[in-house]
Amino acid sequence: MQQTEATSPFVLAGVQAEAVELVRSSGKTVPEISHDLDLTETSARAWVRRGDIDAVTAPG
């Protein structure tokens, strides 16, 4: 499969970061953010969970 802009790791990382930030700061629920960004709830929840883990384990 040829990689397109939509499947680029850089684009995906940006979408992940945006989804996590919106869940944390917008007051919207994961299902609402998922719908707004055309994501699955499962993916959005996993990204938020991973972001929480990374925030706790990050050095500094």
N, C-alpha and C. Protein backbone atom coordinates (compact mmCIF):
# COMPACT_ATOMS: atom_id res chain seq x y z
N MET A 1 0.84 -1.19 0.00
CA MET A 1 0.00 0.00 0.00
C MET A 1 0.88 1.24 0.00
N GLN A 2 0.60 2.15 -0.87
CA GLN A 2 1.36 3.37 -0.97
C GLN A 2 0.93 4.33 0.14
N GLN A 3 1.92 4.93 0.78
CA GLN A 3 1.60 5.85 1.87
C GLN A 3 1.16 7.19 1.29
N THR A 4 0.07 7.70 1.80
CA THR A 4 -0.44 8.99 1.37
C THR A 4 -0.30 9.97 2.51
N GLU A 5 -0.62 11.21 2.25
CA GLU A 5 -0.54 12.22 3.29
C GLU A 5 -1.42 11.85 4.48
N ALA A 6 -2.58 11.29 4.20
CA ALA A 6 -3.52 10.94 5.27
C ALA A 6 -3.00 9.82 6.17
N THR A 7 -2.11 8.96 5.64
CA THR A 7 -1.59 7.86 6.43
C THR A 7 -0.17 8.13 6.93
N SER A 8 0.34 9.29 6.67
CA SER A 8 1.68 9.65 7.11
C SER A 8 1.76 9.61 8.63
N PRO A 9 2.85 9.08 9.19
CA PRO A 9 3.01 9.08 10.64
C PRO A 9 2.95 10.48 11.23
N PHE A 10 3.40 11.47 10.48
CA PHE A 10 3.39 12.85 10.97
C PHE A 10 1.96 13.37 11.09
N VAL A 11 1.13 13.03 10.12
CA VAL A 11 -0.27 13.45 10.16
C VAL A 11 -0.98 12.73 11.30
N LEU A 12 -0.74 11.44 11.44
CA LEU A 12 -1.37 10.67 12.50
C LEU A 12 -0.96 11.21 13.88
N ALA A 13 0.29 11.53 14.06
CA ALA A 13 0.76 12.08 15.34
C ALA A 13 0.07 13.41 15.63
N GLY A 14 -0.15 14.21 14.62
CA GLY A 14 -0.84 15.48 14.80
C GLY A 14 -2.30 15.29 15.19
N VAL A 15 -2.95 14.32 14.58
CA VAL A 15 -4.35 14.02 14.90
C VAL A 15 -4.44 13.49 16.33
N GLN A 16 -3.51 12.63 16.70
CA GLN A 16 -3.50 12.09 18.07
C GLN A 16 -3.34 13.22 19.08
N ALA A 17 -2.37 14.08 18.85
CA ALA A 17 -2.13 15.19 19.77
C ALA A 17 -3.34 16.11 19.86
N GLU A 18 -3.96 16.39 18.72
CA GLU A 18 -5.14 17.25 18.72
C GLU A 18 -6.29 16.61 19.49
N ALA A 19 -6.51 15.33 19.28
CA ALA A 19 -7.60 14.63 19.97
C ALA A 19 -7.38 14.64 21.48
N VAL A 20 -6.17 14.34 21.92
CA VAL A 20 -5.87 14.31 23.35
C VAL A 20 -6.06 15.69 23.95
N GLU A 21 -5.54 16.71 23.28
CA GLU A 21 -5.67 18.08 23.80
C GLU A 21 -7.14 18.51 23.88
N LEU A 22 -7.91 18.18 22.87
CA LEU A 22 -9.34 18.54 22.88
C LEU A 22 -10.09 17.84 24.01
N VAL A 23 -9.79 16.57 24.23
CA VAL A 23 -10.45 15.84 25.31
C VAL A 23 -10.12 16.48 26.65
N ARG A 24 -8.88 16.88 26.81
CA ARG A 24 -8.45 17.45 28.09
C ARG A 24 -8.93 18.88 28.31
N SER A 25 -9.09 19.65 27.26
CA SER A 25 -9.32 21.08 27.46
C SER A 25 -10.69 21.59 27.01
N SER A 26 -11.41 20.84 26.20
CA SER A 26 -12.63 21.39 25.61
C SER A 26 -13.89 21.19 26.45
N GLY A 27 -13.84 20.27 27.38
CA GLY A 27 -15.05 19.96 28.13
C GLY A 27 -15.97 19.00 27.39
N LYS A 28 -15.57 18.59 26.20
CA LYS A 28 -16.35 17.62 25.43
C LYS A 28 -15.94 16.21 25.84
N THR A 29 -16.83 15.28 25.59
CA THR A 29 -16.55 13.88 25.90
C THR A 29 -15.74 13.24 24.77
N VAL A 30 -15.17 12.07 25.08
CA VAL A 30 -14.43 11.33 24.05
C VAL A 30 -15.33 11.01 22.86
N PRO A 31 -16.56 10.56 23.07
CA PRO A 31 -17.42 10.31 21.90
C PRO A 31 -17.66 11.56 21.05
N GLU A 32 -17.81 12.71 21.68
CA GLU A 32 -18.03 13.95 20.93
C GLU A 32 -16.79 14.32 20.11
N ILE A 33 -15.63 14.24 20.74
CA ILE A 33 -14.37 14.55 20.03
C ILE A 33 -14.17 13.54 18.89
N SER A 34 -14.42 12.28 19.17
CA SER A 34 -14.27 11.24 18.15
C SER A 34 -15.14 11.54 16.94
N HIS A 35 -16.37 11.92 17.20
CA HIS A 35 -17.29 12.25 16.10
C HIS A 35 -16.80 13.48 15.35
N ASP A 36 -16.38 14.51 16.08
CA ASP A 36 -15.91 15.75 15.45
C ASP A 36 -14.71 15.52 14.53
N LEU A 37 -13.81 14.62 14.95
CA LEU A 37 -12.58 14.37 14.20
C LEU A 37 -12.67 13.14 13.30
N ASP A 38 -13.85 12.52 13.25
CA ASP A 38 -14.07 11.32 12.44
C ASP A 38 -13.11 10.20 12.82
N LEU A 39 -13.05 9.93 14.13
CA LEU A 39 -12.20 8.87 14.68
C LEU A 39 -13.08 7.83 15.35
N THR A 40 -12.51 6.67 15.59
CA THR A 40 -13.22 5.70 16.41
C THR A 40 -13.02 6.08 17.88
N GLU A 41 -14.03 5.81 18.69
CA GLU A 41 -13.92 6.07 20.12
C GLU A 41 -12.78 5.26 20.73
N THR A 42 -12.62 4.04 20.26
CA THR A 42 -11.58 3.17 20.79
C THR A 42 -10.20 3.79 20.60
N SER A 43 -9.94 4.32 19.43
CA SER A 43 -8.65 4.96 19.17
C SER A 43 -8.45 6.19 20.05
N ALA A 44 -9.46 7.03 20.11
CA ALA A 44 -9.35 8.25 20.90
C ALA A 44 -9.11 7.93 22.37
N ARG A 45 -9.83 6.96 22.91
CA ARG A 45 -9.65 6.57 24.31
C ARG A 45 -8.24 6.03 24.55
N ALA A 46 -7.74 5.22 23.63
CA ALA A 46 -6.40 4.67 23.76
C ALA A 46 -5.35 5.78 23.73
N TRP A 47 -5.53 6.76 22.86
CA TRP A 47 -4.56 7.86 22.77
C TRP A 47 -4.56 8.69 24.05
N VAL A 48 -5.75 8.95 24.60
CA VAL A 48 -5.84 9.73 25.85
C VAL A 48 -5.18 8.93 26.98
N ARG A 49 -5.47 7.65 27.05
CA ARG A 49 -4.87 6.80 28.08
C ARG A 49 -3.35 6.80 27.95
N ARG A 50 -2.85 6.67 26.72
CA ARG A 50 -1.40 6.67 26.48
C ARG A 50 -0.81 8.03 26.86
N GLY A 51 -1.52 9.10 26.55
CA GLY A 51 -1.05 10.44 26.93
C GLY A 51 -0.97 10.61 28.43
N ASP A 52 -1.92 10.03 29.16
CA ASP A 52 -1.89 10.08 30.62
C ASP A 52 -0.69 9.32 31.16
N ILE A 53 -0.43 8.16 30.61
CA ILE A 53 0.72 7.35 31.04
C ILE A 53 2.02 8.10 30.73
N ASP A 54 2.12 8.66 29.54
CA ASP A 54 3.33 9.38 29.15
C ASP A 54 3.56 10.59 30.05
N ALA A 55 2.49 11.27 30.45
CA ALA A 55 2.62 12.45 31.30
C ALA A 55 3.17 12.07 32.67
N VAL A 56 2.80 10.91 33.18
CA VAL A 56 3.25 10.46 34.49
C VAL A 56 4.69 9.96 34.45
N THR A 57 5.06 9.32 33.35
CA THR A 57 6.38 8.69 33.27
C THR A 57 7.43 9.56 32.60
N ALA A 58 7.04 10.74 32.13
CA ALA A 58 8.01 11.61 31.44
C ALA A 58 9.04 12.14 32.43
N PRO A 59 10.31 12.14 32.03
CA PRO A 59 11.34 12.67 32.93
C PRO A 59 11.20 14.19 33.09
N GLY A 60 11.61 14.65 34.23
CA GLY A 60 11.65 16.10 34.43
C GLY A 60 10.53 16.59 35.19
